[in-house]
Amino acid sequence: MSADFEYGMKVSLGGEFGVVVKSELDKPNFFGRICWDTEKEFDFEDWHGLFGSFINKGGK
């Protein structure tokens, strides 16, 4: 398993699934914006620098 978010990484948390996307504000090799696959048209969350917290909450 990776030690940080990577662009294009598939993730899940709390029964929801998403993918790590690149934001215009991202620095090189520093990702963390997740687009969740929900019924909402735009469902993004910012997890930059919070990979450990994401895993601790049960994220995969």
Protein backbone atom coordinates (compact mmCIF):
# COMPACT_ATOMS: atom_id res chain seq x y z
CA MET A 1 0.00 0.00 0.00
CA SER A 2 1.11 3.53 -0.70
CA ALA A 3 2.23 5.92 2.03
CA ASP A 4 0.40 8.90 0.51
CA PHE A 5 -2.33 9.76 -1.97
CA GLU A 6 -1.44 9.32 -5.62
CA TYR A 7 -3.16 10.84 -8.64
CA GLY A 8 -5.75 8.39 -9.98
CA MET A 9 -5.77 6.24 -6.83
CA LYS A 10 -9.11 4.55 -6.14
CA VAL A 11 -10.20 5.02 -2.51
CA SER A 12 -13.07 4.06 -0.25
CA LEU A 13 -14.30 5.31 3.10
CA GLY A 14 -17.52 4.56 4.94
CA GLY A 15 -19.03 2.59 2.06
CA GLU A 16 -18.37 5.36 -0.46
CA PHE A 17 -15.93 5.07 -3.34
CA GLY A 18 -13.90 7.76 -5.04
CA VAL A 19 -10.79 8.64 -6.96
CA VAL A 20 -7.93 11.02 -6.15
CA VAL A 21 -7.97 13.86 -8.69
CA LYS A 22 -5.52 16.61 -9.51
CA SER A 23 -6.45 20.10 -8.43
CA GLU A 24 -5.06 23.17 -10.18
CA LEU A 25 -3.61 24.18 -6.80
CA ASP A 26 -1.77 20.89 -6.21
CA LYS A 27 1.98 21.02 -5.86
CA PRO A 28 3.96 18.36 -7.75
CA ASN A 29 3.44 14.93 -6.16
CA PHE A 30 1.15 16.34 -3.43
CA PHE A 31 -2.39 15.13 -4.03
CA GLY A 32 -5.37 14.66 -1.74
CA ARG A 33 -8.51 15.96 -3.43
CA ILE A 34 -11.03 13.12 -3.69
CA CYS A 35 -14.00 13.01 -6.03
CA TRP A 36 -16.61 10.73 -4.47
CA ASP A 37 -19.00 8.61 -6.54
CA THR A 38 -22.29 9.82 -5.07
CA GLU A 39 -25.56 11.17 -6.39
CA LYS A 40 -24.33 14.74 -5.87
CA GLU A 41 -23.17 16.41 -9.07
CA PHE A 42 -19.99 17.70 -7.43
CA ASP A 43 -18.83 15.75 -4.38
CA PHE A 44 -15.21 16.61 -3.60
CA GLU A 45 -13.30 16.45 -0.31
CA ASP A 46 -9.89 17.83 0.45
CA TRP A 47 -7.64 15.33 2.26
CA HIS A 48 -4.29 16.99 1.44
CA GLY A 49 -1.70 16.02 4.04
CA LEU A 50 -4.20 13.80 5.86
CA PHE A 51 -3.38 10.37 4.45
CA GLY A 52 -2.72 8.94 7.94
CA SER A 53 -6.03 10.31 9.24
CA PHE A 54 -7.82 8.92 6.19
CA ILE A 55 -6.40 5.43 6.89
CA ASN A 56 -7.13 5.71 10.63
CA LYS A 57 -10.80 6.48 9.85
CA GLY A 58 -10.97 3.20 7.90
CA GLY A 59 -10.10 4.54 4.46
CA LYS A 60 -8.63 2.16 1.91
